[in-house]
Amino acid sequence: MPHSPEDKKRAITRLRRIRGQAEALERHIAEGVDCGPVLQQLAAMRGAVNGLMADVLEGHLRESFGHADCPIDSLENPEHQRVHEAIDEVASLVRSYLK
């Protein structure tokens, strides 16, 4: 769950964009729009949801395992650095999977 004000704002902005996409999709379907634009809208929604999911998951990983409250100079500690690198790797893998 996003906790910082900027993370919350970013998540809410994404959710509002997704809501707008869903409303546009509903209008397309109600109006009987051709399949091409409907599929394009679905793909855009999927991308937006996957991006939000990746951000929330990365935040969760950093909060749970990354010592998010540690000072930045703690990264000089080899153990902390390994944990942060592992989180970066997992977050990257998840993002690539969700694309």
N, C-alpha and C. Protein backbone atom coordinates (compact mmCIF):
# COMPACT_ATOMS: atom_id res chain seq x y z
N MET A 1 0.85 -1.17 0.00
CA MET A 1 0.00 0.00 0.00
C MET A 1 0.89 1.23 0.00
N PRO A 2 0.64 2.19 -0.88
CA PRO A 2 1.43 3.42 -0.88
C PRO A 2 1.21 4.20 0.42
N HIS A 3 2.31 4.65 1.02
CA HIS A 3 2.19 5.35 2.29
C HIS A 3 2.59 6.81 2.21
N SER A 4 3.58 7.14 1.41
CA SER A 4 4.01 8.53 1.35
C SER A 4 2.98 9.33 0.56
N PRO A 5 2.88 10.62 0.83
CA PRO A 5 1.90 11.45 0.11
C PRO A 5 2.09 11.41 -1.41
N GLU A 6 3.33 11.43 -1.86
CA GLU A 6 3.55 11.41 -3.32
C GLU A 6 3.19 10.05 -3.93
N ASP A 7 3.45 8.96 -3.20
CA ASP A 7 3.06 7.63 -3.69
C ASP A 7 1.54 7.48 -3.73
N LYS A 8 0.86 7.99 -2.71
CA LYS A 8 -0.60 7.95 -2.69
C LYS A 8 -1.17 8.75 -3.85
N LYS A 9 -0.61 9.95 -4.07
CA LYS A 9 -1.10 10.80 -5.15
C LYS A 9 -0.91 10.11 -6.49
N ARG A 10 0.25 9.49 -6.69
CA ARG A 10 0.53 8.78 -7.95
C ARG A 10 -0.43 7.61 -8.14
N ALA A 11 -0.70 6.85 -7.07
CA ALA A 11 -1.62 5.71 -7.17
C ALA A 11 -3.04 6.18 -7.46
N ILE A 12 -3.48 7.25 -6.80
CA ILE A 12 -4.83 7.76 -7.04
C ILE A 12 -4.96 8.29 -8.46
N THR A 13 -3.93 8.95 -8.96
CA THR A 13 -3.94 9.44 -10.34
C THR A 13 -4.09 8.27 -11.31
N ARG A 14 -3.35 7.21 -11.06
CA ARG A 14 -3.45 6.02 -11.92
C ARG A 14 -4.84 5.41 -11.84
N LEU A 15 -5.39 5.32 -10.65
CA LEU A 15 -6.73 4.76 -10.49
C LEU A 15 -7.78 5.60 -11.21
N ARG A 16 -7.63 6.90 -11.16
CA ARG A 16 -8.57 7.76 -11.88
C ARG A 16 -8.45 7.57 -13.38
N ARG A 17 -7.23 7.39 -13.86
CA ARG A 17 -7.03 7.14 -15.29
C ARG A 17 -7.67 5.81 -15.68
N ILE A 18 -7.50 4.81 -14.84
CA ILE A 18 -8.11 3.49 -15.10
C ILE A 18 -9.64 3.61 -15.11
N ARG A 19 -10.18 4.38 -14.16
CA ARG A 19 -11.62 4.57 -14.12
C ARG A 19 -12.11 5.25 -15.40
N GLY A 20 -11.37 6.25 -15.88
CA GLY A 20 -11.73 6.91 -17.12
C GLY A 20 -11.68 5.96 -18.30
N GLN A 21 -10.67 5.09 -18.31
CA GLN A 21 -10.57 4.09 -19.38
C GLN A 21 -11.75 3.12 -19.32
N ALA A 22 -12.14 2.73 -18.12
CA ALA A 22 -13.28 1.81 -17.97
C ALA A 22 -14.57 2.47 -18.43
N GLU A 23 -14.73 3.73 -18.11
CA GLU A 23 -15.93 4.45 -18.55
C GLU A 23 -15.96 4.57 -20.07
N ALA A 24 -14.81 4.85 -20.68
CA ALA A 24 -14.74 4.92 -22.15
C ALA A 24 -15.05 3.57 -22.76
N LEU A 25 -14.55 2.51 -22.15
CA LEU A 25 -14.82 1.16 -22.65
C LEU A 25 -16.32 0.86 -22.56
N GLU A 26 -16.93 1.24 -21.46
CA GLU A 26 -18.37 1.02 -21.30
C GLU A 26 -19.15 1.76 -22.40
N ARG A 27 -18.76 3.00 -22.67
CA ARG A 27 -19.43 3.76 -23.75
C ARG A 27 -19.24 3.08 -25.10
N HIS A 28 -17.99 2.61 -25.36
CA HIS A 28 -17.72 1.92 -26.63
C HIS A 28 -18.62 0.71 -26.81
N ILE A 29 -18.75 -0.06 -25.76
CA ILE A 29 -19.56 -1.28 -25.84
C ILE A 29 -21.04 -0.91 -26.02
N ALA A 30 -21.51 0.08 -25.26
CA ALA A 30 -22.92 0.50 -25.36
C ALA A 30 -23.23 1.03 -26.76
N GLU A 31 -22.26 1.69 -27.38
CA GLU A 31 -22.47 2.27 -28.70
C GLU A 31 -22.22 1.28 -29.82
N GLY A 32 -21.73 0.10 -29.49
CA GLY A 32 -21.47 -0.91 -30.51
C GLY A 32 -20.26 -0.60 -31.37
N VAL A 33 -19.25 0.03 -30.79
CA VAL A 33 -18.03 0.38 -31.52
C VAL A 33 -17.35 -0.90 -32.00
N ASP A 34 -16.65 -0.80 -33.13
CA ASP A 34 -15.92 -1.96 -33.68
C ASP A 34 -14.96 -2.55 -32.65
N CYS A 35 -14.59 -3.79 -32.88
CA CYS A 35 -13.75 -4.53 -31.94
C CYS A 35 -12.35 -3.92 -31.77
N GLY A 36 -11.79 -3.36 -32.83
CA GLY A 36 -10.43 -2.81 -32.76
C GLY A 36 -10.24 -1.80 -31.64
N PRO A 37 -11.05 -0.73 -31.61
CA PRO A 37 -10.92 0.25 -30.53
C PRO A 37 -11.22 -0.33 -29.15
N VAL A 38 -12.14 -1.29 -29.09
CA VAL A 38 -12.46 -1.93 -27.80
C VAL A 38 -11.24 -2.70 -27.30
N LEU A 39 -10.62 -3.46 -28.19
CA LEU A 39 -9.43 -4.22 -27.81
C LEU A 39 -8.29 -3.30 -27.41
N GLN A 40 -8.15 -2.19 -28.11
CA GLN A 40 -7.10 -1.23 -27.77
C GLN A 40 -7.34 -0.65 -26.39
N GLN A 41 -8.59 -0.34 -26.07
CA GLN A 41 -8.92 0.20 -24.75
C GLN A 41 -8.67 -0.84 -23.66
N LEU A 42 -9.02 -2.09 -23.94
CA LEU A 42 -8.76 -3.17 -22.97
C LEU A 42 -7.26 -3.32 -22.72
N ALA A 43 -6.46 -3.24 -23.78
CA ALA A 43 -5.01 -3.36 -23.62
C ALA A 43 -4.46 -2.20 -22.80
N ALA A 44 -4.99 -1.00 -23.03
CA ALA A 44 -4.54 0.16 -22.26
C ALA A 44 -4.89 0.00 -20.78
N MET A 45 -6.08 -0.50 -20.52
CA MET A 45 -6.49 -0.73 -19.13
C MET A 45 -5.62 -1.79 -18.46
N ARG A 46 -5.36 -2.87 -19.20
CA ARG A 46 -4.51 -3.92 -18.64
C ARG A 46 -3.13 -3.36 -18.30
N GLY A 47 -2.56 -2.56 -19.19
CA GLY A 47 -1.26 -1.96 -18.93
C GLY A 47 -1.28 -1.06 -17.71
N ALA A 48 -2.34 -0.27 -17.58
CA ALA A 48 -2.45 0.64 -16.44
C ALA A 48 -2.58 -0.13 -15.13
N VAL A 49 -3.39 -1.17 -15.12
CA VAL A 49 -3.58 -1.98 -13.90
C VAL A 49 -2.27 -2.71 -13.56
N ASN A 50 -1.61 -3.26 -14.56
CA ASN A 50 -0.36 -3.96 -14.31
C ASN A 50 0.72 -3.01 -13.78
N GLY A 51 0.76 -1.79 -14.31
CA GLY A 51 1.72 -0.81 -13.82
C GLY A 51 1.46 -0.44 -12.37
N LEU A 52 0.20 -0.25 -12.03
CA LEU A 52 -0.17 0.05 -10.65
C LEU A 52 0.18 -1.12 -9.74
N MET A 53 -0.13 -2.33 -10.20
CA MET A 53 0.18 -3.51 -9.39
C MET A 53 1.69 -3.63 -9.16
N ALA A 54 2.48 -3.38 -10.18
CA ALA A 54 3.94 -3.45 -10.04
C ALA A 54 4.43 -2.41 -9.05
N ASP A 55 3.90 -1.19 -9.11
CA ASP A 55 4.31 -0.15 -8.17
C ASP A 55 3.96 -0.52 -6.73
N VAL A 56 2.74 -1.01 -6.52
CA VAL A 56 2.32 -1.38 -5.16
C VAL A 56 3.15 -2.55 -4.65
N LEU A 57 3.41 -3.52 -5.52
CA LEU A 57 4.22 -4.67 -5.11
C LEU A 57 5.64 -4.25 -4.78
N GLU A 58 6.22 -3.39 -5.60
CA GLU A 58 7.58 -2.92 -5.32
C GLU A 58 7.63 -2.17 -3.99
N GLY A 59 6.63 -1.32 -3.74
CA GLY A 59 6.57 -0.62 -2.47
C GLY A 59 6.46 -1.58 -1.30
N HIS A 60 5.66 -2.61 -1.48
CA HIS A 60 5.50 -3.62 -0.43
C HIS A 60 6.82 -4.35 -0.17
N LEU A 61 7.51 -4.72 -1.23
CA LEU A 61 8.80 -5.40 -1.06
C LEU A 61 9.80 -4.50 -0.33
N ARG A 62 9.86 -3.25 -0.74
CA ARG A 62 10.81 -2.33 -0.09
C ARG A 62 10.43 -2.09 1.37
N GLU A 63 9.14 -1.99 1.63
CA GLU A 63 8.70 -1.76 3.00
C GLU A 63 8.94 -2.99 3.87
N SER A 64 8.69 -4.16 3.32
CA SER A 64 8.81 -5.40 4.10
C SER A 64 10.25 -5.87 4.26
N PHE A 65 11.05 -5.73 3.20
CA PHE A 65 12.39 -6.32 3.23
C PHE A 65 13.51 -5.32 3.03
N GLY A 66 13.17 -4.13 2.58
CA GLY A 66 14.22 -3.20 2.17
C GLY A 66 14.64 -2.19 3.19
N HIS A 67 14.15 -2.32 4.39
CA HIS A 67 14.53 -1.37 5.43
C HIS A 67 14.30 0.05 4.93
N ALA A 68 13.10 0.32 4.45
CA ALA A 68 12.77 1.60 3.84
C ALA A 68 13.04 2.77 4.78
N ASP A 69 13.00 2.53 6.09
CA ASP A 69 13.21 3.61 7.04
C ASP A 69 14.67 3.80 7.41
N CYS A 70 15.59 3.01 6.82
CA CYS A 70 17.01 3.15 7.10
C CYS A 70 17.56 4.39 6.40
N PRO A 71 18.52 5.04 7.03
CA PRO A 71 19.14 6.19 6.36
C PRO A 71 19.88 5.75 5.11
N ILE A 72 20.01 6.67 4.16
CA ILE A 72 20.63 6.34 2.87
C ILE A 72 22.07 5.85 3.04
N ASP A 73 22.79 6.34 4.05
CA ASP A 73 24.17 5.90 4.22
C ASP A 73 24.26 4.46 4.71
N SER A 74 23.12 3.87 5.10
CA SER A 74 23.13 2.46 5.50
C SER A 74 23.38 1.56 4.30
N LEU A 75 23.23 2.10 3.09
CA LEU A 75 23.50 1.30 1.89
C LEU A 75 24.98 0.97 1.77
N GLU A 76 25.80 1.65 2.55
CA GLU A 76 27.22 1.30 2.57
C GLU A 76 27.43 -0.04 3.26
N ASN A 77 26.47 -0.45 4.06
CA ASN A 77 26.52 -1.75 4.71
C ASN A 77 26.29 -2.81 3.62
N PRO A 78 27.23 -3.75 3.44
CA PRO A 78 27.08 -4.74 2.36
C PRO A 78 25.80 -5.56 2.43
N GLU A 79 25.35 -5.88 3.63
CA GLU A 79 24.11 -6.66 3.75
C GLU A 79 22.91 -5.85 3.27
N HIS A 80 22.83 -4.59 3.66
CA HIS A 80 21.73 -3.73 3.22
C HIS A 80 21.78 -3.55 1.71
N GLN A 81 22.99 -3.39 1.19
CA GLN A 81 23.14 -3.21 -0.25
C GLN A 81 22.67 -4.45 -1.00
N ARG A 82 22.99 -5.64 -0.50
CA ARG A 82 22.54 -6.88 -1.15
C ARG A 82 21.01 -6.98 -1.13
N VAL A 83 20.41 -6.61 -0.01
CA VAL A 83 18.95 -6.66 0.09
C VAL A 83 18.33 -5.71 -0.93
N HIS A 84 18.84 -4.48 -1.01
CA HIS A 84 18.30 -3.51 -1.96
C HIS A 84 18.49 -3.97 -3.40
N GLU A 85 19.63 -4.56 -3.70
CA GLU A 85 19.87 -5.08 -5.05
C GLU A 85 18.92 -6.23 -5.38
N ALA A 86 18.67 -7.09 -4.40
CA ALA A 86 17.74 -8.21 -4.62
C ALA A 86 16.33 -7.68 -4.86
N ILE A 87 15.92 -6.68 -4.10
CA ILE A 87 14.60 -6.09 -4.30
C ILE A 87 14.52 -5.46 -5.68
N ASP A 88 15.56 -4.75 -6.09
CA ASP A 88 15.58 -4.15 -7.43
C ASP A 88 15.42 -5.22 -8.50
N GLU A 89 16.10 -6.35 -8.32
CA GLU A 89 16.03 -7.43 -9.30
C GLU A 89 14.62 -8.03 -9.35
N VAL A 90 14.03 -8.30 -8.19
CA VAL A 90 12.69 -8.87 -8.15
C VAL A 90 11.68 -7.90 -8.76
N ALA A 91 11.79 -6.63 -8.42
CA ALA A 91 10.87 -5.62 -8.97
C ALA A 91 11.00 -5.55 -10.49
N SER A 92 12.22 -5.62 -10.99
CA SER A 92 12.44 -5.61 -12.43
C SER A 92 11.83 -6.83 -13.10
N LEU A 93 12.00 -7.99 -12.48
CA LEU A 93 11.41 -9.22 -13.04
C LEU A 93 9.88 -9.14 -13.06
N VAL A 94 9.31 -8.64 -11.99
CA VAL A 94 7.84 -8.53 -11.93
C VAL A 94 7.35 -7.56 -13.01
N ARG A 95 8.03 -6.43 -13.15
CA ARG A 95 7.62 -5.45 -14.17
C ARG A 95 7.71 -6.06 -15.57
N SER A 96 8.77 -6.81 -15.84
CA SER A 96 8.90 -7.41 -17.17
C SER A 96 7.83 -8.47 -17.40
N TYR A 97 7.47 -9.20 -16.35
CA TYR A 97 6.42 -10.21 -16.46
C TYR A 97 5.06 -9.57 -16.74
N LEU A 98 4.81 -8.42 -16.13
CA LEU A 98 3.51 -7.78 -16.25
C LEU A 98 3.33 -7.01 -17.56
N LYS A 99 4.39 -6.84 -18.32
CA LYS A 99 4.27 -6.11 -19.60
C LYS A 99 3.58 -6.92 -20.64
